[in-house]
Structure formats: C-alpha cells, structure tokens
Amino acid sequence: MSQFQAYRRRGLIRKEKPMNAKEYGRHASGYRKPEASELSRGFTRRLILWAVVFAVCVGWVMTHMGCAHPIENGVAALMGFGFVPLRLLCLVLSEAGVE
C-alpha cells in the first residue's frame, strides 16, 4: 500500500469530485472552445506574427547584397520563401478545418 492510499484510508486526503461544467459554467481556467463562426484562440496573433516575419525576411533579402551577407541572405530567403509561407498555409488550413 502506498503512502497516498494510507492517507486516503485514514481520511487525511479526500477525493474531490471533478468540476461539473454544466453546474459551474466555464472551467475555472477560462478555456472554452470557440464557436463555429469565431476564430480560434490566438489565431490573429499568430497570423500577424508570421506575416511580420515574412515581411522582415523579404525586406532583408531585397535590401542587402547577397555577396556581402551570404549566410544571412540564405537564412532570410529560406525563412521568407520556404518556412514562413508553409507555416501560414498550415495555420490558415487548420483554422478552416482541413487536416
């Protein structure tokens, strides 16, 4: 028998009943699932973040010479034309419900 089970048998630890959402409304953490007509939590923030990252990467590639900054231009091009558009596409598709 574990220490926890021994305490529970003696009544030192009570087993609490789980919170009932119908009785209390939303959960205490404040999380609720969005309705079908509204965007999921944090979608707009993530969309703006990745759009800004895309703009910064494209701006870097367009304003800096590739021979002077080869590594930085390579990373900016990879992010701006590879990873960020893919992430934006996945973000929008997941919001639309496509898996």
PDB file of N, CA and C in Angstrom:
ATOM      1  N   MET A   1       0.849  -1.161   0.000  1.00  0.00           N
ATOM      2  CA  MET A   1       0.000   0.000   0.000  1.00  0.00           C
ATOM      3  C   MET A   1       0.906   1.239   0.000  1.00  0.00           C
ATOM      4  N   SER A   2       0.558   2.184  -0.856  1.00  0.00           N
ATOM      5  CA  SER A   2       1.367   3.395  -0.962  1.00  0.00           C
ATOM      6  C   SER A   2       1.014   4.378   0.155  1.00  0.00           C
ATOM      7  N   GLN A   3       1.859   5.362   0.329  1.00  0.00           N
ATOM      8  CA  GLN A   3       1.640   6.392   1.338  1.00  0.00           C
ATOM      9  C   GLN A   3       0.333   7.144   1.069  1.00  0.00           C
ATOM     10  N   PHE A   4       0.086   7.422  -0.211  1.00  0.00           N
ATOM     11  CA  PHE A   4      -1.125   8.133  -0.598  1.00  0.00           C
ATOM     12  C   PHE A   4      -2.376   7.334  -0.234  1.00  0.00           C
ATOM     13  N   GLN A   5      -2.351   6.025  -0.511  1.00  0.00           N
ATOM     14  CA  GLN A   5      -3.515   5.190  -0.199  1.00  0.00           C
ATOM     15  C   GLN A   5      -3.746   5.105   1.308  1.00  0.00           C
ATOM     16  N   ALA A   6      -2.665   5.064   2.083  1.00  0.00           N
ATOM     17  CA  ALA A   6      -2.806   5.002   3.536  1.00  0.00           C
ATOM     18  C   ALA A   6      -3.427   6.286   4.070  1.00  0.00           C
ATOM     19  N   TYR A   7      -2.982   7.429   3.573  1.00  0.00           N
ATOM     20  CA  TYR A   7      -3.567   8.706   3.990  1.00  0.00           C
ATOM     21  C   TYR A   7      -5.033   8.793   3.598  1.00  0.00           C
ATOM     22  N   ARG A   8      -5.355   8.298   2.414  1.00  0.00           N
ATOM     23  CA  ARG A   8      -6.737   8.368   1.954  1.00  0.00           C
ATOM     24  C   ARG A   8      -7.640   7.489   2.817  1.00  0.00           C
ATOM     25  N   ARG A   9      -7.144   6.309   3.223  1.00  0.00           N
ATOM     26  CA  ARG A   9      -7.943   5.414   4.064  1.00  0.00           C
ATOM     27  C   ARG A   9      -8.243   6.039   5.417  1.00  0.00           C
ATOM     28  N   ARG A  10      -7.266   6.756   5.952  1.00  0.00           N
ATOM     29  CA  ARG A  10      -7.464   7.388   7.260  1.00  0.00           C
ATOM     30  C   ARG A  10      -8.293   8.669   7.165  1.00  0.00           C
ATOM     31  N   GLY A  11      -8.567   9.106   5.938  1.00  0.00           N
ATOM     32  CA  GLY A  11      -9.387  10.290   5.775  1.00  0.00           C
ATOM     33  C   GLY A  11      -8.588  11.583   5.777  1.00  0.00           C
ATOM     34  N   LEU A  12      -7.276  11.484   5.712  1.00  0.00           N
ATOM     35  CA  LEU A  12      -6.453  12.685   5.692  1.00  0.00           C
ATOM     36  C   LEU A  12      -6.465  13.355   4.323  1.00  0.00           C
ATOM     37  N   ILE A  13      -6.718  12.576   3.283  1.00  0.00           N
ATOM     38  CA  ILE A  13      -6.828  13.117   1.924  1.00  0.00           C
ATOM     39  C   ILE A  13      -8.192  12.727   1.387  1.00  0.00           C
ATOM     40  N   ARG A  14      -8.966  13.732   0.995  1.00  0.00           N
ATOM     41  CA  ARG A  14     -10.285  13.452   0.442  1.00  0.00           C
ATOM     42  C   ARG A  14     -10.198  13.428  -1.076  1.00  0.00           C
ATOM     43  N   LYS A  15     -10.953  12.553  -1.655  1.00  0.00           N
ATOM     44  CA  LYS A  15     -11.038  12.516  -3.112  1.00  0.00           C
ATOM     45  C   LYS A  15     -12.111  13.518  -3.521  1.00  0.00           C
ATOM     46  N   GLU A  16     -11.679  14.587  -4.202  1.00  0.00           N
ATOM     47  CA  GLU A  16     -12.613  15.637  -4.604  1.00  0.00           C
ATOM     48  C   GLU A  16     -13.373  15.225  -5.855  1.00  0.00           C
ATOM     49  N   LYS A  17     -14.599  15.643  -5.926  1.00  0.00           N
ATOM     50  CA  LYS A  17     -15.425  15.399  -7.095  1.00  0.00           C
ATOM     51  C   LYS A  17     -14.973  16.350  -8.205  1.00  0.00           C
ATOM     52  N   PRO A  18     -14.825  15.874  -9.432  1.00  0.00           N
ATOM     53  CA  PRO A  18     -14.398  16.774 -10.500  1.00  0.00           C
ATOM     54  C   PRO A  18     -15.420  17.876 -10.763  1.00  0.00           C
ATOM     55  N   MET A  19     -14.922  18.956 -11.292  1.00  0.00           N
ATOM     56  CA  MET A  19     -15.776  20.113 -11.541  1.00  0.00           C
ATOM     57  C   MET A  19     -16.746  19.826 -12.677  1.00  0.00           C
ATOM     58  N   ASN A  20     -17.996  20.143 -12.477  1.00  0.00           N
ATOM     59  CA  ASN A  20     -19.025  19.904 -13.465  1.00  0.00           C
ATOM     60  C   ASN A  20     -19.235  21.183 -14.270  1.00  0.00           C
ATOM     61  N   ALA A  21     -19.005  21.127 -15.574  1.00  0.00           N
ATOM     62  CA  ALA A  21     -19.124  22.318 -16.411  1.00  0.00           C
ATOM     63  C   ALA A  21     -20.566  22.799 -16.507  1.00  0.00           C
ATOM     64  N   LYS A  22     -21.530  21.885 -16.441  1.00  0.00           N
ATOM     65  CA  LYS A  22     -22.935  22.300 -16.503  1.00  0.00           C
ATOM     66  C   LYS A  22     -23.334  23.052 -15.231  1.00  0.00           C
ATOM     67  N   GLU A  23     -22.750  22.653 -14.133  1.00  0.00           N
ATOM     68  CA  GLU A  23     -23.084  23.285 -12.864  1.00  0.00           C
ATOM     69  C   GLU A  23     -22.386  24.638 -12.696  1.00  0.00           C
ATOM     70  N   TYR A  24     -21.124  24.725 -13.115  1.00  0.00           N
ATOM     71  CA  TYR A  24     -20.330  25.928 -12.889  1.00  0.00           C
ATOM     72  C   TYR A  24     -20.183  26.811 -14.124  1.00  0.00           C
ATOM     73  N   GLY A  25     -20.637  26.387 -15.266  1.00  0.00           N
ATOM     74  CA  GLY A  25     -20.415  27.161 -16.496  1.00  0.00           C
ATOM     75  C   GLY A  25     -19.042  26.832 -17.058  1.00  0.00           C
ATOM     76  N   ARG A  26     -18.307  27.858 -17.436  1.00  0.00           N
ATOM     77  CA  ARG A  26     -16.975  27.618 -17.978  1.00  0.00           C
ATOM     78  C   ARG A  26     -16.051  27.084 -16.901  1.00  0.00           C
ATOM     79  N   HIS A  27     -14.992  26.425 -17.345  1.00  0.00           N
ATOM     80  CA  HIS A  27     -13.996  25.915 -16.426  1.00  0.00           C
ATOM     81  C   HIS A  27     -13.254  27.076 -15.782  1.00  0.00           C
ATOM     82  N   ALA A  28     -12.718  26.868 -14.619  1.00  0.00           N
ATOM     83  CA  ALA A  28     -12.045  27.931 -13.877  1.00  0.00           C
ATOM     84  C   ALA A  28     -10.848  28.500 -14.635  1.00  0.00           C
ATOM     85  N   SER A  29     -10.242  27.719 -15.505  1.00  0.00           N
ATOM     86  CA  SER A  29      -9.081  28.206 -16.254  1.00  0.00           C
ATOM     87  C   SER A  29      -9.484  29.232 -17.303  1.00  0.00           C
ATOM     88  N   GLY A  30     -10.760  29.317 -17.626  1.00  0.00           N
ATOM     89  CA  GLY A  30     -11.225  30.283 -18.605  1.00  0.00           C
ATOM     90  C   GLY A  30     -11.226  29.744 -20.016  1.00  0.00           C
ATOM     91  N   TYR A  31     -10.785  28.515 -20.215  1.00  0.00           N
ATOM     92  CA  TYR A  31     -10.745  27.955 -21.567  1.00  0.00           C
ATOM     93  C   TYR A  31     -12.140  27.560 -22.007  1.00  0.00           C
ATOM     94  N   ARG A  32     -12.464  27.911 -23.213  1.00  0.00           N
ATOM     95  CA  ARG A  32     -13.702  27.428 -23.812  1.00  0.00           C
ATOM     96  C   ARG A  32     -13.441  27.228 -25.292  1.00  0.00           C
ATOM     97  N   LYS A  33     -14.126  26.300 -25.882  1.00  0.00           N
ATOM     98  CA  LYS A  33     -13.957  26.061 -27.312  1.00  0.00           C
ATOM     99  C   LYS A  33     -14.677  27.135 -28.096  1.00  0.00           C
ATOM    100  N   PRO A  34     -14.047  27.648 -29.163  1.00  0.00           N
ATOM    101  CA  PRO A  34     -14.700  28.692 -29.945  1.00  0.00           C
ATOM    102  C   PRO A  34     -15.883  28.127 -30.722  1.00  0.00           C
ATOM    103  N   GLU A  35     -16.847  28.989 -30.963  1.00  0.00           N
ATOM    104  CA  GLU A  35     -17.988  28.581 -31.769  1.00  0.00           C
ATOM    105  C   GLU A  35     -17.564  28.483 -33.225  1.00  0.00           C
ATOM    106  N   ALA A  36     -18.439  27.963 -34.059  1.00  0.00           N
ATOM    107  CA  ALA A  36     -18.086  27.736 -35.462  1.00  0.00           C
ATOM    108  C   ALA A  36     -17.824  29.042 -36.208  1.00  0.00           C
ATOM    109  N   SER A  37     -18.462  30.125 -35.803  1.00  0.00           N
ATOM    110  CA  SER A  37     -18.327  31.378 -36.542  1.00  0.00           C
ATOM    111  C   SER A  37     -17.145  32.228 -36.086  1.00  0.00           C
ATOM    112  N   GLU A  38     -16.511  31.895 -34.954  1.00  0.00           N
ATOM    113  CA  GLU A  38     -15.407  32.720 -34.465  1.00  0.00           C
ATOM    114  C   GLU A  38     -14.067  32.027 -34.640  1.00  0.00           C
ATOM    115  N   LEU A  39     -13.002  32.823 -34.679  1.00  0.00           N
ATOM    116  CA  LEU A  39     -11.651  32.304 -34.860  1.00  0.00           C
ATOM    117  C   LEU A  39     -11.167  31.641 -33.580  1.00  0.00           C
ATOM    118  N   SER A  40     -10.243  30.701 -33.718  1.00  0.00           N
ATOM    119  CA  SER A  40      -9.712  30.037 -32.540  1.00  0.00           C
ATOM    120  C   SER A  40      -8.825  30.998 -31.755  1.00  0.00           C
ATOM    121  N   ARG A  41      -8.560  30.622 -30.542  1.00  0.00           N
ATOM    122  CA  ARG A  41      -7.806  31.471 -29.620  1.00  0.00           C
ATOM    123  C   ARG A  41      -6.373  31.670 -30.113  1.00  0.00           C
ATOM    124  N   GLY A  42      -5.955  32.907 -30.279  1.00  0.00           N
ATOM    125  CA  GLY A  42      -4.589  33.220 -30.677  1.00  0.00           C
ATOM    126  C   GLY A  42      -4.334  33.179 -32.169  1.00  0.00           C
ATOM    127  N   PHE A  43      -5.354  32.906 -32.972  1.00  0.00           N
ATOM    128  CA  PHE A  43      -5.142  32.794 -34.418  1.00  0.00           C
ATOM    129  C   PHE A  43      -4.658  34.107 -35.012  1.00  0.00           C
ATOM    130  N   THR A  44      -5.297  35.209 -34.647  1.00  0.00           N
ATOM    131  CA  THR A  44      -4.933  36.510 -35.210  1.00  0.00           C
ATOM    132  C   THR A  44      -3.518  36.890 -34.803  1.00  0.00           C
ATOM    133  N   ARG A  45      -3.156  36.635 -33.555  1.00  0.00           N
ATOM    134  CA  ARG A  45      -1.808  36.935 -33.083  1.00  0.00           C
ATOM    135  C   ARG A  45      -0.755  36.168 -33.876  1.00  0.00           C
ATOM    136  N   ARG A  46      -0.989  34.882 -34.081  1.00  0.00           N
ATOM    137  CA  ARG A  46      -0.024  34.067 -34.839  1.00  0.00           C
ATOM    138  C   ARG A  46       0.036  34.498 -36.290  1.00  0.00           C
ATOM    139  N   LEU A  47      -1.117  34.830 -36.868  1.00  0.00           N
ATOM    140  CA  LEU A  47      -1.148  35.277 -38.254  1.00  0.00           C
ATOM    141  C   LEU A  47      -0.351  36.564 -38.424  1.00  0.00           C
ATOM    142  N   ILE A  48      -0.523  37.517 -37.529  1.00  0.00           N
ATOM    143  CA  ILE A  48       0.220  38.772 -37.601  1.00  0.00           C
ATOM    144  C   ILE A  48       1.708  38.534 -37.386  1.00  0.00           C
ATOM    145  N   LEU A  49       2.060  37.689 -36.434  1.00  0.00           N
ATOM    146  CA  LEU A  49       3.470  37.386 -36.176  1.00  0.00           C
ATOM    147  C   LEU A  49       4.155  36.831 -37.415  1.00  0.00           C
ATOM    148  N   TRP A  50       3.549  35.825 -38.052  1.00  0.00           N
ATOM    149  CA  TRP A  50       4.188  35.209 -39.211  1.00  0.00           C
ATOM    150  C   TRP A  50       4.174  36.136 -40.424  1.00  0.00           C
ATOM    151  N   ALA A  51       3.181  37.001 -40.532  1.00  0.00           N
ATOM    152  CA  ALA A  51       3.178  37.983 -41.620  1.00  0.00           C
ATOM    153  C   ALA A  51       4.305  38.998 -41.434  1.00  0.00           C
ATOM    154  N   VAL A  52       4.561  39.403 -40.196  1.00  0.00           N
ATOM    155  CA  VAL A  52       5.672  40.330 -39.920  1.00  0.00           C
ATOM    156  C   VAL A  52       7.012  39.650 -40.188  1.00  0.00           C
ATOM    157  N   VAL A  53       7.151  38.397 -39.773  1.00  0.00           N
ATOM    158  CA  VAL A  53       8.398  37.661 -40.042  1.00  0.00           C
ATOM    159  C   VAL A  53       8.622  37.549 -41.549  1.00  0.00           C
ATOM    160  N   PHE A  54       7.567  37.279 -42.295  1.00  0.00           N
ATOM    161  CA  PHE A  54       7.671  37.188 -43.752  1.00  0.00           C
ATOM    162  C   PHE A  54       8.121  38.529 -44.344  1.00  0.00           C
ATOM    163  N   ALA A  55       7.508  39.628 -43.885  1.00  0.00           N
ATOM    164  CA  ALA A  55       7.861  40.956 -44.398  1.00  0.00           C
ATOM    165  C   ALA A  55       9.307  41.303 -44.073  1.00  0.00           C
ATOM    166  N   VAL A  56       9.758  40.978 -42.875  1.00  0.00           N
ATOM    167  CA  VAL A  56      11.148  41.260 -42.493  1.00  0.00           C
ATOM    168  C   VAL A  56      12.114  40.447 -43.349  1.00  0.00           C
ATOM    169  N   CYS A  57      11.822  39.184 -43.572  1.00  0.00           N
ATOM    170  CA  CYS A  57      12.700  38.342 -44.394  1.00  0.00           C
ATOM    171  C   CYS A  57      12.770  38.845 -45.829  1.00  0.00           C
ATOM    172  N   VAL A  58      11.633  39.165 -46.407  1.00  0.00           N
ATOM    173  CA  VAL A  58      11.622  39.664 -47.786  1.00  0.00           C
ATOM    174  C   VAL A  58      12.322  41.024 -47.852  1.00  0.00           C
ATOM    175  N   GLY A  59      12.089  41.868 -46.859  1.00  0.00           N
ATOM    176  CA  GLY A  59      12.765  43.168 -46.816  1.00  0.00           C
ATOM    177  C   GLY A  59      14.265  43.029 -46.708  1.00  0.00           C
ATOM    178  N   TRP A  60      14.732  42.094 -45.909  1.00  0.00           N
ATOM    179  CA  TRP A  60      16.173  41.849 -45.777  1.00  0.00           C
ATOM    180  C   TRP A  60      16.763  41.394 -47.099  1.00  0.00           C
ATOM    181  N   VAL A  61      16.105  40.448 -47.740  1.00  0.00           N
ATOM    182  CA  VAL A  61      16.637  39.914 -49.000  1.00  0.00           C
ATOM    183  C   VAL A  61      16.673  41.005 -50.077  1.00  0.00           C
ATOM    184  N   MET A  62      15.680  41.861 -50.101  1.00  0.00           N
ATOM    185  CA  MET A  62      15.614  42.894 -51.139  1.00  0.00           C
ATOM    186  C   MET A  62      16.573  44.059 -50.894  1.00  0.00           C
ATOM    187  N   THR A  63      16.969  44.311 -49.658  1.00  0.00           N
ATOM    188  CA  THR A  63      17.787  45.484 -49.374  1.00  0.00           C
ATOM    189  C   THR A  63      19.258  45.185 -49.133  1.00  0.00           C
ATOM    190  N   HIS A  64      19.659  43.948 -48.926  1.00  0.00           N
ATOM    191  CA  HIS A  64      21.050  43.624 -48.650  1.00  0.00           C
ATOM    192  C   HIS A  64      21.644  42.842 -49.815  1.00  0.00           C
ATOM    193  N   MET A  65      22.891  43.138 -50.099  1.00  0.00           N
ATOM    194  CA  MET A  65      23.574  42.433 -51.190  1.00  0.00           C
ATOM    195  C   MET A  65      23.898  41.003 -50.752  1.00  0.00           C
ATOM    196  N   GLY A  66      23.654  40.076 -51.639  1.00  0.00           N
ATOM    197  CA  GLY A  66      23.884  38.671 -51.326  1.00  0.00           C
ATOM    198  C   GLY A  66      25.344  38.325 -51.131  1.00  0.00           C
ATOM    199  N   CYS A  67      26.245  39.020 -51.842  1.00  0.00           N
ATOM    200  CA  CYS A  67      27.667  38.696 -51.715  1.00  0.00           C
ATOM    201  C   CYS A  67      28.255  39.254 -50.417  1.00  0.00           C
ATOM    202  N   ALA A  68      27.670  40.316 -49.868  1.00  0.00           N
ATOM    203  CA  ALA A  68      28.173  40.881 -48.622  1.00  0.00           C
ATOM    204  C   ALA A  68      27.666  40.110 -47.405  1.00  0.00           C
ATOM    205  N   HIS A  69      26.479  39.560 -47.490  1.00  0.00           N
ATOM    206  CA  HIS A  69      25.882  38.826 -46.371  1.00  0.00           C
ATOM    207  C   HIS A  69      25.338  37.485 -46.883  1.00  0.00           C
ATOM    208  N   PRO A  70      26.197  36.552 -47.284  1.00  0.00           N
ATOM    209  CA  PRO A  70      25.679  35.318 -47.900  1.00  0.00           C
ATOM    210  C   PRO A  70      24.901  34.420 -46.933  1.00  0.00           C
ATOM    211  N   ILE A  71      25.379  34.292 -45.713  1.00  0.00           N
ATOM    212  CA  ILE A  71      24.694  33.398 -44.766  1.00  0.00           C
ATOM    213  C   ILE A  71      23.359  34.007 -44.338  1.00  0.00           C
ATOM    214  N   GLU A  72      23.371  35.309 -44.010  1.00  0.00           N
ATOM    215  CA  GLU A  72      22.139  35.961 -43.573  1.00  0.00           C
ATOM    216  C   GLU A  72      21.096  35.965 -44.680  1.00  0.00           C
ATOM    217  N   ASN A  73      21.546  36.219 -45.924  1.00  0.00           N
ATOM    218  CA  ASN A  73      20.605  36.208 -47.043  1.00  0.00           C
ATOM    219  C   ASN A  73      20.051  34.804 -47.286  1.00  0.00           C
ATOM    220  N   GLY A  74      20.891  33.805 -47.114  1.00  0.00           N
ATOM    221  CA  GLY A  74      20.416  32.428 -47.272  1.00  0.00           C
ATOM    222  C   GLY A  74      19.368  32.063 -46.235  1.00  0.00           C
ATOM    223  N   VAL A  75      19.613  32.452 -44.986  1.00  0.00           N
ATOM    224  CA  VAL A  75      18.650  32.167 -43.912  1.00  0.00           C
ATOM    225  C   VAL A  75      17.359  32.948 -44.137  1.00  0.00           C
ATOM    226  N   ALA A  76      17.499  34.227 -44.518  1.00  0.00           N
ATOM    227  CA  ALA A  76      16.304  35.044 -44.757  1.00  0.00           C
ATOM    228  C   ALA A  76      15.501  34.506 -45.930  1.00  0.00           C
ATOM    229  N   ALA A  77      16.175  34.075 -46.981  1.00  0.00           N
ATOM    230  CA  ALA A  77      15.466  33.518 -48.129  1.00  0.00           C
ATOM    231  C   ALA A  77      14.776  32.204 -47.771  1.00  0.00           C
ATOM    232  N   LEU A  78      15.473  31.361 -47.008  1.00  0.00           N
ATOM    233  CA  LEU A  78      14.887  30.086 -46.593  1.00  0.00           C
ATOM    234  C   LEU A  78      13.659  30.315 -45.717  1.00  0.00           C
ATOM    235  N   MET A  79      13.761  31.245 -44.786  1.00  0.00           N
ATOM    236  CA  MET A  79      12.622  31.548 -43.921  1.00  0.00           C
ATOM    237  C   MET A  79      11.503  32.238 -44.706  1.00  0.00           C
ATOM    238  N   GLY A  80      11.859  33.274 -45.481  1.00  0.00           N
ATOM    239  CA  GLY A  80      10.857  34.092 -46.159  1.00  0.00           C
ATOM    240  C   GLY A  80      10.145  33.405 -47.299  1.00  0.00           C
ATOM    241  N   PHE A  81      10.852  32.512 -47.991  1.00  0.00           N
ATOM    242  CA  PHE A  81      10.246  31.861 -49.150  1.00  0.00           C
ATOM    243  C   PHE A  81       9.979  30.374 -48.940  1.00  0.00           C
ATOM    244  N   GLY A  82      10.340  29.843 -47.784  1.00  0.00           N
ATOM    245  CA  GLY A  82      10.127  28.424 -47.518  1.00  0.00           C
ATOM    246  C   GLY A  82       9.285  28.164 -46.289  1.00  0.00           C
ATOM    247  N   PHE A  83       9.879  28.418 -45.116  1.00  0.00           N
ATOM    248  CA  PHE A  83       9.231  28.044 -43.868  1.00  0.00           C
ATOM    249  C   PHE A  83       8.014  28.895 -43.529  1.00  0.00           C
ATOM    250  N   VAL A  84       8.113  30.202 -43.684  1.00  0.00           N
ATOM    251  CA  VAL A  84       7.011  31.077 -43.275  1.00  0.00           C
ATOM    252  C   VAL A  84       5.764  30.875 -44.149  1.00  0.00           C
ATOM    253  N   PRO A  85       5.883  30.836 -45.492  1.00  0.00           N
ATOM    254  CA  PRO A  85       4.661  30.564 -46.273  1.00  0.00           C
ATOM    255  C   PRO A  85       4.033  29.205 -45.948  1.00  0.00           C
ATOM    256  N   LEU A  86       4.880  28.211 -45.692  1.00  0.00           N
ATOM    257  CA  LEU A  86       4.358  26.898 -45.316  1.00  0.00           C
ATOM    258  C   LEU A  86       3.622  26.979 -43.976  1.00  0.00           C
ATOM    259  N   ARG A  87       4.195  27.705 -43.028  1.00  0.00           N
ATOM    260  CA  ARG A  87       3.553  27.860 -41.718  1.00  0.00           C
ATOM    261  C   ARG A  87       2.237  28.636 -41.837  1.00  0.00           C
ATOM    262  N   LEU A  88       2.227  29.686 -42.634  1.00  0.00           N
ATOM    263  CA  LEU A  88       0.990  30.449 -42.840  1.00  0.00           C
ATOM    264  C   LEU A  88      -0.082  29.588 -43.499  1.00  0.00           C
ATOM    265  N   LEU A  89       0.313  28.792 -44.468  1.00  0.00           N
ATOM    266  CA  LEU A  89      -0.633  27.905 -45.140  1.00  0.00           C
ATOM    267  C   LEU A  89      -1.218  26.901 -44.156  1.00  0.00           C
ATOM    268  N   CYS A  90      -0.366  26.292 -43.336  1.00  0.00           N
ATOM    269  CA  CYS A  90      -0.852  25.311 -42.340  1.00  0.00           C
ATOM    270  C   CYS A  90      -1.749  25.982 -41.318  1.00  0.00           C
ATOM    271  N   LEU A  91      -1.391  27.207 -40.908  1.00  0.00           N
ATOM    272  CA  LEU A  91      -2.200  27.930 -39.927  1.00  0.00           C
ATOM    273  C   LEU A  91      -3.604  28.209 -40.465  1.00  0.00           C
ATOM    274  N   VAL A  92      -3.694  28.679 -41.677  1.00  0.00           N
ATOM    275  CA  VAL A  92      -4.997  29.011 -42.276  1.00  0.00           C
ATOM    276  C   VAL A  92      -5.800  27.742 -42.542  1.00  0.00           C
ATOM    277  N   LEU A  93      -5.135  26.693 -43.029  1.00  0.00           N
ATOM    278  CA  LEU A  93      -5.854  25.444 -43.301  1.00  0.00           C
ATOM    279  C   LEU A  93      -6.360  24.786 -42.016  1.00  0.00           C
ATOM    280  N   SER A  94      -5.581  24.860 -40.957  1.00  0.00           N
ATOM    281  CA  SER A  94      -6.047  24.275 -39.695  1.00  0.00           C
ATOM    282  C   SER A  94      -7.232  25.045 -39.134  1.00  0.00           C
ATOM    283  N   GLU A  95      -7.256  26.365 -39.371  1.00  0.00           N
ATOM    284  CA  GLU A  95      -8.395  27.166 -38.923  1.00  0.00           C
ATOM    285  C   GLU A  95      -9.635  26.834 -39.743  1.00  0.00           C
ATOM    286  N   ALA A  96      -9.431  26.477 -41.018  1.00  0.00           N
ATOM    287  CA  ALA A  96     -10.562  26.139 -41.892  1.00  0.00           C
ATOM    288  C   ALA A  96     -11.076  24.730 -41.630  1.00  0.00           C
ATOM    289  N   GLY A  97     -10.317  23.943 -40.873  1.00  0.00           N
ATOM    290  CA  GLY A  97     -10.757  22.589 -40.530  1.00  0.00           C
ATOM    291  C   GLY A  97     -10.225  21.519 -41.462  1.00  0.00           C
ATOM    292  N   VAL A  98      -9.299  21.854 -42.335  1.00  0.00           N
ATOM    293  CA  VAL A  98      -8.701  20.879 -43.240  1.00  0.00           C
ATOM    294  C   VAL A  98      -7.547  20.205 -42.521  1.00  0.00           C
ATOM    295  N   GLU A  99      -7.501  18.881 -42.573  1.00  0.00           N
ATOM    296  CA  GLU A  99      -6.410  18.173 -41.912  1.00  0.00           C
ATOM    297  C   GLU A  99      -5.508  17.522 -42.904  1.00  0.00           C
TER     298      GLU A  99
END
